[in-house]
């Protein structure tokens, strides 16, 4: 539920932000990943989702400071029906240096420091080999 709320806030802030002209910039990033690996003996799949809203305050035309929050979820399914779920949260601050700042595009570099908390849940099944 928390992830859905953050996603809605991110979409709403994306529609009202004008990054190049304002001192206060609200931005976000979304990451999706789905990977499947298959060999002769096994098949594994992993899915990943992360949303990261960020708030930046421009100190001048080249430098800004900001805060970020990220929420992520991951699920891995293995060939023997084992499932691993991982959820995490990240809170931190960052400094952004604009390398090129034109009216239509911007290239920048940023440095961040974050506290990350993650929780893992494993659904492992007990497998036995029966030999006669």
Protein backbone atom coordinates (compact mmCIF):
# COMPACT_ATOMS: atom_id res chain seq x y z
CA UNK A 1 0.00 0.00 0.00
CA UNK A 2 2.85 2.36 0.87
CA UNK A 3 4.45 1.73 -2.53
CA UNK A 4 1.20 2.51 -4.37
CA UNK A 5 0.79 5.76 -2.44
CA UNK A 6 4.36 6.82 -3.27
CA UNK A 7 3.77 5.94 -6.93
CA UNK A 8 0.64 8.14 -7.05
CA UNK A 9 2.47 11.05 -5.40
CA UNK A 10 5.34 10.62 -7.85
CA UNK A 11 3.03 10.74 -10.87
CA UNK A 12 1.25 13.84 -9.56
CA UNK A 13 4.49 15.70 -8.81
CA UNK A 14 5.88 14.78 -12.23
CA UNK A 15 3.01 16.58 -13.92
CA UNK A 16 3.55 19.87 -12.03
CA UNK A 17 7.34 20.19 -11.92
CA UNK A 18 9.43 22.41 -14.23
CA UNK A 19 12.99 21.42 -13.39
CA UNK A 20 15.04 24.02 -15.25
CA UNK A 21 13.31 27.16 -13.99
CA UNK A 22 12.49 26.53 -10.32
CA UNK A 23 14.58 26.62 -7.16
CA UNK A 24 12.64 23.67 -5.70
CA UNK A 25 12.66 20.62 -7.95
CA UNK A 26 10.64 17.48 -7.35
CA UNK A 27 11.60 14.48 -9.43
CA UNK A 28 11.34 10.73 -9.31
CA UNK A 29 12.54 7.57 -10.93
CA UNK A 30 10.86 4.24 -11.47
CA UNK A 31 12.70 0.98 -12.05
CA UNK A 32 11.21 -2.25 -13.32
CA UNK A 33 13.09 -5.44 -14.01
CA UNK A 34 11.97 -8.92 -14.93
CA UNK A 35 14.57 -11.60 -15.63
CA UNK A 36 14.17 -15.26 -16.51
CA UNK A 37 17.03 -17.72 -16.75
CA UNK A 38 16.65 -21.19 -18.14
CA UNK A 39 19.09 -24.07 -18.41
CA UNK A 40 18.64 -27.80 -19.01
CA UNK A 41 18.03 -28.56 -15.34
CA UNK A 42 16.50 -25.43 -13.89
CA UNK A 43 14.46 -22.31 -14.48
CA UNK A 44 14.65 -19.18 -12.28
CA UNK A 45 12.80 -15.86 -12.45
CA UNK A 46 13.28 -12.54 -10.67
CA UNK A 47 11.11 -9.43 -10.67
CA UNK A 48 12.08 -6.05 -9.19
CA UNK A 49 10.27 -2.73 -8.69
CA UNK A 50 11.57 0.52 -7.16
CA UNK A 51 10.17 4.05 -6.90
CA UNK A 52 12.41 6.93 -5.76
CA UNK A 53 10.96 10.42 -5.26
CA UNK A 54 13.53 13.21 -4.75
CA UNK A 55 13.30 16.85 -3.66
CA UNK A 56 16.13 19.19 -4.70
CA UNK A 57 16.74 22.78 -3.64
CA UNK A 58 18.98 24.72 -6.05
CA UNK A 59 21.53 26.84 -4.17
CA UNK A 60 22.69 28.50 -7.40
CA UNK A 61 22.76 27.69 -11.13
CA UNK A 62 25.32 24.88 -10.69
CA UNK A 63 24.78 23.38 -7.21
CA UNK A 64 21.83 21.89 -5.34
CA UNK A 65 21.12 19.82 -2.22
CA UNK A 66 18.26 17.44 -1.66
CA UNK A 67 16.63 14.49 0.04
CA UNK A 68 15.42 11.20 -1.36
CA UNK A 69 13.30 8.24 -0.33
CA UNK A 70 13.12 4.89 -2.10
CA UNK A 71 10.84 1.91 -1.70
CA UNK A 72 11.59 -1.36 -3.45
CA UNK A 73 10.27 -4.90 -3.76
CA UNK A 74 11.86 -7.98 -5.27
CA UNK A 75 10.67 -11.55 -5.75
CA UNK A 76 12.77 -14.50 -6.90
CA UNK A 77 11.36 -17.90 -7.82
CA UNK A 78 13.70 -20.84 -8.19
CA UNK A 79 13.45 -24.14 -10.06
CA UNK A 80 12.67 -26.12 -6.87
CA UNK A 81 9.67 -23.88 -6.01
CA UNK A 82 11.63 -21.88 -3.43
CA UNK A 83 10.57 -18.21 -3.27
CA UNK A 84 12.53 -15.29 -1.83
CA UNK A 85 10.86 -11.92 -1.28
CA UNK A 86 12.82 -8.78 -0.42
CA UNK A 87 11.42 -5.36 0.49
CA UNK A 88 13.47 -2.31 1.32
CA UNK A 89 13.41 1.37 2.15
CA UNK A 90 16.11 3.98 1.62
CA UNK A 91 16.33 7.49 3.10
CA UNK A 92 19.15 9.91 2.35
CA UNK A 93 20.49 13.18 1.15
CA UNK A 94 22.42 14.19 -1.94
CA UNK A 95 24.41 16.98 -3.56
CA UNK A 96 23.93 17.66 -7.27
CA UNK A 97 26.38 19.47 -9.55
CA UNK A 98 25.07 20.60 -12.95
CA UNK A 99 27.59 19.94 -15.73
CA UNK A 100 25.39 21.22 -18.60
CA UNK A 101 22.15 23.10 -17.97
CA UNK A 102 20.31 24.11 -21.14
CA UNK A 103 16.66 25.04 -21.42
CA UNK A 104 15.65 21.70 -22.97
CA UNK A 105 18.04 19.26 -21.28
CA UNK A 106 20.37 18.91 -18.32
CA UNK A 107 23.42 16.76 -17.57
CA UNK A 108 24.42 16.52 -13.94
CA UNK A 109 26.38 14.48 -11.45
CA UNK A 110 25.25 13.72 -7.94
CA UNK A 111 26.66 12.22 -4.75
CA UNK A 112 24.35 10.72 -2.17
CA UNK A 113 24.54 9.16 1.29
CA UNK A 114 21.70 6.92 2.40
CA UNK A 115 20.44 4.68 5.16
CA UNK A 116 19.01 1.46 3.75
CA UNK A 117 16.75 -0.99 5.58
CA UNK A 118 15.69 -4.23 3.94
CA UNK A 119 13.70 -7.27 5.01
CA UNK A 120 13.84 -10.71 3.43
CA UNK A 121 11.30 -13.52 3.56
CA UNK A 122 12.10 -17.00 2.27
CA UNK A 123 9.57 -19.71 1.45
CA UNK A 124 11.81 -22.75 1.21
CA UNK A 125 10.29 -26.18 0.82
CA UNK A 126 11.95 -29.26 2.24
CA UNK A 127 13.02 -31.59 -0.54
CA UNK A 128 13.92 -35.24 0.04
CA UNK A 129 15.44 -37.76 -2.29
CA UNK A 130 13.75 -41.13 -2.10
CA UNK A 131 15.88 -43.98 -3.34
CA UNK A 132 14.80 -47.63 -3.37
